Amino acid sequence: MDNQMHYKNLDRKHVILINWSTLNAAGMHFHLKLLMAIPFYFTHILHFASW
C-alpha cells in the first residue's frame, strides 16, 4: 500500500517533468523561428527605408 502510493507520486512527478520538457522544447522552437525571422524582417524594413 505504502509502496504503491510512492509509485503513484513518482509517476505524477514524471508526467509533470515530461510536460515541462515538451513545453520547453516548443518554446525553444518558437524562439528559434523568431530569431531566424528577425533578420529577414529587418532587411525588408531597411530595403523599404532606402527607397
PDB file of N, CA and C in Angstrom:
ATOM      1  N   MET A   1       0.843  -1.199   0.000  1.00  0.00           N
ATOM      2  CA  MET A   1       0.000   0.000   0.000  1.00  0.00           C
ATOM      3  C   MET A   1       0.877   1.247   0.000  1.00  0.00           C
ATOM      4  N   ASP A   2       1.813   1.272   0.933  1.00  0.00           N
ATOM      5  CA  ASP A   2       2.699   2.422   1.042  1.00  0.00           C
ATOM      6  C   ASP A   2       3.564   2.561  -0.211  1.00  0.00           C
ATOM      7  N   ASN A   3       4.022   1.428  -0.696  1.00  0.00           N
ATOM      8  CA  ASN A   3       4.870   1.410  -1.881  1.00  0.00           C
ATOM      9  C   ASN A   3       4.107   1.890  -3.115  1.00  0.00           C
ATOM     10  N   GLN A   4       2.851   1.479  -3.215  1.00  0.00           N
ATOM     11  CA  GLN A   4       2.033   1.857  -4.357  1.00  0.00           C
ATOM     12  C   GLN A   4       1.791   3.366  -4.366  1.00  0.00           C
ATOM     13  N   MET A   5       1.568   3.937  -3.200  1.00  0.00           N
ATOM     14  CA  MET A   5       1.372   5.375  -3.081  1.00  0.00           C
ATOM     15  C   MET A   5       2.621   6.108  -3.547  1.00  0.00           C
ATOM     16  N   HIS A   6       3.762   5.578  -3.177  1.00  0.00           N
ATOM     17  CA  HIS A   6       5.034   6.181  -3.561  1.00  0.00           C
ATOM     18  C   HIS A   6       5.199   6.167  -5.081  1.00  0.00           C
ATOM     19  N   TYR A   7       4.830   5.062  -5.702  1.00  0.00           N
ATOM     20  CA  TYR A   7       4.948   4.951  -7.153  1.00  0.00           C
ATOM     21  C   TYR A   7       3.986   5.894  -7.867  1.00  0.00           C
ATOM     22  N   LYS A   8       2.796   6.071  -7.294  1.00  0.00           N
ATOM     23  CA  LYS A   8       1.819   6.980  -7.892  1.00  0.00           C
ATOM     24  C   LYS A   8       2.351   8.411  -7.845  1.00  0.00           C
ATOM     25  N   ASN A   9       2.950   8.765  -6.718  1.00  0.00           N
ATOM     26  CA  ASN A   9       3.509  10.097  -6.563  1.00  0.00           C
ATOM     27  C   ASN A   9       4.662  10.305  -7.536  1.00  0.00           C
ATOM     28  N   LEU A  10       5.488   9.285  -7.691  1.00  0.00           N
ATOM     29  CA  LEU A  10       6.634   9.331  -8.592  1.00  0.00           C
ATOM     30  C   LEU A  10       6.161   9.484 -10.037  1.00  0.00           C
ATOM     31  N   ASP A  11       5.105   8.760 -10.372  1.00  0.00           N
ATOM     32  CA  ASP A  11       4.558   8.800 -11.723  1.00  0.00           C
ATOM     33  C   ASP A  11       4.025  10.189 -12.048  1.00  0.00           C
ATOM     34  N   ARG A  12       3.371  10.823 -11.081  1.00  0.00           N
ATOM     35  CA  ARG A  12       2.815  12.156 -11.275  1.00  0.00           C
ATOM     36  C   ARG A  12       3.943  13.159 -11.528  1.00  0.00           C
ATOM     37  N   LYS A  13       5.011  13.019 -10.752  1.00  0.00           N
ATOM     38  CA  LYS A  13       6.162  13.903 -10.929  1.00  0.00           C
ATOM     39  C   LYS A  13       6.777  13.703 -12.304  1.00  0.00           C
ATOM     40  N   HIS A  14       6.837  12.460 -12.743  1.00  0.00           N
ATOM     41  CA  HIS A  14       7.414  12.118 -14.040  1.00  0.00           C
ATOM     42  C   HIS A  14       6.592  12.730 -15.176  1.00  0.00           C
ATOM     43  N   VAL A  15       5.273  12.659 -15.051  1.00  0.00           N
ATOM     44  CA  VAL A  15       4.375  13.222 -16.065  1.00  0.00           C
ATOM     45  C   VAL A  15       4.561  14.733 -16.141  1.00  0.00           C
ATOM     46  N   ILE A  16       4.661  15.382 -14.979  1.00  0.00           N
ATOM     47  CA  ILE A  16       4.873  16.829 -14.928  1.00  0.00           C
ATOM     48  C   ILE A  16       6.195  17.185 -15.607  1.00  0.00           C
ATOM     49  N   LEU A  17       7.216  16.385 -15.348  1.00  0.00           N
ATOM     50  CA  LEU A  17       8.534  16.613 -15.933  1.00  0.00           C
ATOM     51  C   LEU A  17       8.486  16.486 -17.451  1.00  0.00           C
ATOM     52  N   ILE A  18       7.774  15.480 -17.939  1.00  0.00           N
ATOM     53  CA  ILE A  18       7.640  15.267 -19.384  1.00  0.00           C
ATOM     54  C   ILE A  18       6.905  16.444 -20.020  1.00  0.00           C
ATOM     55  N   ASN A  19       5.809  16.877 -19.395  1.00  0.00           N
ATOM     56  CA  ASN A  19       5.050  18.009 -19.915  1.00  0.00           C
ATOM     57  C   ASN A  19       5.906  19.267 -19.944  1.00  0.00           C
ATOM     58  N   TRP A  20       6.697  19.472 -18.889  1.00  0.00           N
ATOM     59  CA  TRP A  20       7.550  20.651 -18.788  1.00  0.00           C
ATOM     60  C   TRP A  20       8.599  20.650 -19.891  1.00  0.00           C
ATOM     61  N   SER A  21       9.221  19.488 -20.135  1.00  0.00           N
ATOM     62  CA  SER A  21      10.258  19.393 -21.167  1.00  0.00           C
ATOM     63  C   SER A  21       9.660  19.591 -22.558  1.00  0.00           C
ATOM     64  N   THR A  22       8.424  19.122 -22.752  1.00  0.00           N
ATOM     65  CA  THR A  22       7.753  19.296 -24.038  1.00  0.00           C
ATOM     66  C   THR A  22       7.446  20.766 -24.273  1.00  0.00           C
ATOM     67  N   LEU A  23       6.961  21.442 -23.227  1.00  0.00           N
ATOM     68  CA  LEU A  23       6.687  22.873 -23.314  1.00  0.00           C
ATOM     69  C   LEU A  23       7.970  23.637 -23.594  1.00  0.00           C
ATOM     70  N   ASN A  24       9.042  23.240 -22.922  1.00  0.00           N
ATOM     71  CA  ASN A  24      10.338  23.881 -23.113  1.00  0.00           C
ATOM     72  C   ASN A  24      10.816  23.731 -24.549  1.00  0.00           C
ATOM     73  N   ALA A  25      10.653  22.545 -25.104  1.00  0.00           N
ATOM     74  CA  ALA A  25      11.073  22.283 -26.480  1.00  0.00           C
ATOM     75  C   ALA A  25      10.254  23.113 -27.463  1.00  0.00           C
ATOM     76  N   ALA A  26       8.954  23.221 -27.212  1.00  0.00           N
ATOM     77  CA  ALA A  26       8.083  24.019 -28.071  1.00  0.00           C
ATOM     78  C   ALA A  26       8.466  25.494 -27.983  1.00  0.00           C
ATOM     79  N   GLY A  27       8.781  25.943 -26.777  1.00  0.00           N
ATOM     80  CA  GLY A  27       9.201  27.327 -26.571  1.00  0.00           C
ATOM     81  C   GLY A  27      10.510  27.624 -27.276  1.00  0.00           C
ATOM     82  N   MET A  28      11.443  26.681 -27.202  1.00  0.00           N
ATOM     83  CA  MET A  28      12.730  26.851 -27.862  1.00  0.00           C
ATOM     84  C   MET A  28      12.542  26.922 -29.376  1.00  0.00           C
ATOM     85  N   HIS A  29      11.675  26.083 -29.915  1.00  0.00           N
ATOM     86  CA  HIS A  29      11.409  26.055 -31.352  1.00  0.00           C
ATOM     87  C   HIS A  29      10.819  27.391 -31.800  1.00  0.00           C
ATOM     88  N   PHE A  30       9.896  27.923 -30.990  1.00  0.00           N
ATOM     89  CA  PHE A  30       9.264  29.207 -31.292  1.00  0.00           C
ATOM     90  C   PHE A  30      10.293  30.330 -31.274  1.00  0.00           C
ATOM     91  N   HIS A  31      11.179  30.311 -30.265  1.00  0.00           N
ATOM     92  CA  HIS A  31      12.204  31.340 -30.154  1.00  0.00           C
ATOM     93  C   HIS A  31      13.192  31.272 -31.313  1.00  0.00           C
ATOM     94  N   LEU A  32      13.531  30.055 -31.737  1.00  0.00           N
ATOM     95  CA  LEU A  32      14.446  29.892 -32.868  1.00  0.00           C
ATOM     96  C   LEU A  32      13.818  30.432 -34.146  1.00  0.00           C
ATOM     97  N   LYS A  33      12.536  30.175 -34.340  1.00  0.00           N
ATOM     98  CA  LYS A  33      11.830  30.684 -35.515  1.00  0.00           C
ATOM     99  C   LYS A  33      11.803  32.206 -35.488  1.00  0.00           C
ATOM    100  N   LEU A  34      11.573  32.750 -34.295  1.00  0.00           N
ATOM    101  CA  LEU A  34      11.525  34.196 -34.119  1.00  0.00           C
ATOM    102  C   LEU A  34      12.886  34.814 -34.419  1.00  0.00           C
ATOM    103  N   LEU A  35      13.945  34.191 -33.880  1.00  0.00           N
ATOM    104  CA  LEU A  35      15.307  34.688 -34.098  1.00  0.00           C
ATOM    105  C   LEU A  35      15.695  34.617 -35.569  1.00  0.00           C
ATOM    106  N   MET A  36      15.221  33.598 -36.263  1.00  0.00           N
ATOM    107  CA  MET A  36      15.517  33.457 -37.683  1.00  0.00           C
ATOM    108  C   MET A  36      14.712  34.453 -38.515  1.00  0.00           C
ATOM    109  N   ALA A  37      13.532  34.827 -38.027  1.00  0.00           N
ATOM    110  CA  ALA A  37      12.665  35.744 -38.762  1.00  0.00           C
ATOM    111  C   ALA A  37      13.088  37.204 -38.589  1.00  0.00           C
ATOM    112  N   ILE A  38      13.709  37.539 -37.459  1.00  0.00           N
ATOM    113  CA  ILE A  38      14.094  38.925 -37.175  1.00  0.00           C
ATOM    114  C   ILE A  38      15.011  39.515 -38.262  1.00  0.00           C
ATOM    115  N   PRO A  39      16.107  38.847 -38.640  1.00  0.00           N
ATOM    116  CA  PRO A  39      16.956  39.427 -39.689  1.00  0.00           C
ATOM    117  C   PRO A  39      16.226  39.584 -41.021  1.00  0.00           C
ATOM    118  N   PHE A  40      15.335  38.650 -41.318  1.00  0.00           N
ATOM    119  CA  PHE A  40      14.551  38.698 -42.552  1.00  0.00           C
ATOM    120  C   PHE A  40      13.674  39.949 -42.585  1.00  0.00           C
ATOM    121  N   TYR A  41      12.956  40.205 -41.489  1.00  0.00           N
ATOM    122  CA  TYR A  41      12.108  41.391 -41.401  1.00  0.00           C
ATOM    123  C   TYR A  41      12.948  42.657 -41.375  1.00  0.00           C
ATOM    124  N   PHE A  42      14.097  42.574 -40.687  1.00  0.00           N
ATOM    125  CA  PHE A  42      14.979  43.726 -40.551  1.00  0.00           C
ATOM    126  C   PHE A  42      15.506  44.170 -41.917  1.00  0.00           C
ATOM    127  N   THR A  43      15.918  43.227 -42.745  1.00  0.00           N
ATOM    128  CA  THR A  43      16.421  43.559 -44.081  1.00  0.00           C
ATOM    129  C   THR A  43      15.296  44.107 -44.949  1.00  0.00           C
ATOM    130  N   HIS A  44      14.080  43.617 -44.758  1.00  0.00           N
ATOM    131  CA  HIS A  44      12.936  44.130 -45.501  1.00  0.00           C
ATOM    132  C   HIS A  44      12.660  45.572 -45.133  1.00  0.00           C
ATOM    133  N   ILE A  45      12.710  45.863 -43.828  1.00  0.00           N
ATOM    134  CA  ILE A  45      12.474  47.226 -43.341  1.00  0.00           C
ATOM    135  C   ILE A  45      13.549  48.162 -43.893  1.00  0.00           C
ATOM    136  N   LEU A  46      14.802  47.712 -43.858  1.00  0.00           N
ATOM    137  CA  LEU A  46      15.910  48.515 -44.384  1.00  0.00           C
ATOM    138  C   LEU A  46      15.747  48.741 -45.884  1.00  0.00           C
ATOM    139  N   HIS A  47      15.283  47.726 -46.581  1.00  0.00           N
ATOM    140  CA  HIS A  47      15.083  47.819 -48.024  1.00  0.00           C
ATOM    141  C   HIS A  47      14.012  48.857 -48.357  1.00  0.00           C
ATOM    142  N   PHE A  48      12.921  48.847 -47.596  1.00  0.00           N
ATOM    143  CA  PHE A  48      11.846  49.812 -47.824  1.00  0.00           C
ATOM    144  C   PHE A  48      12.246  51.210 -47.381  1.00  0.00           C
ATOM    145  N   ALA A  49      13.097  51.277 -46.349  1.00  0.00           N
ATOM    146  CA  ALA A  49      13.546  52.574 -45.846  1.00  0.00           C
ATOM    147  C   ALA A  49      14.488  53.250 -46.842  1.00  0.00           C
ATOM    148  N   SER A  50      15.229  52.458 -47.604  1.00  0.00           N
ATOM    149  CA  SER A  50      16.190  53.014 -48.557  1.00  0.00           C
ATOM    150  C   SER A  50      15.508  53.520 -49.836  1.00  0.00           C
ATOM    151  N   TRP A  51      14.278  53.125 -50.049  1.00  0.00           N
ATOM    152  CA  TRP A  51      13.566  53.554 -51.246  1.00  0.00           C
ATOM    153  C   TRP A  51      13.159  55.013 -51.177  1.00  0.00           C
TER     154      TRP A  51
END
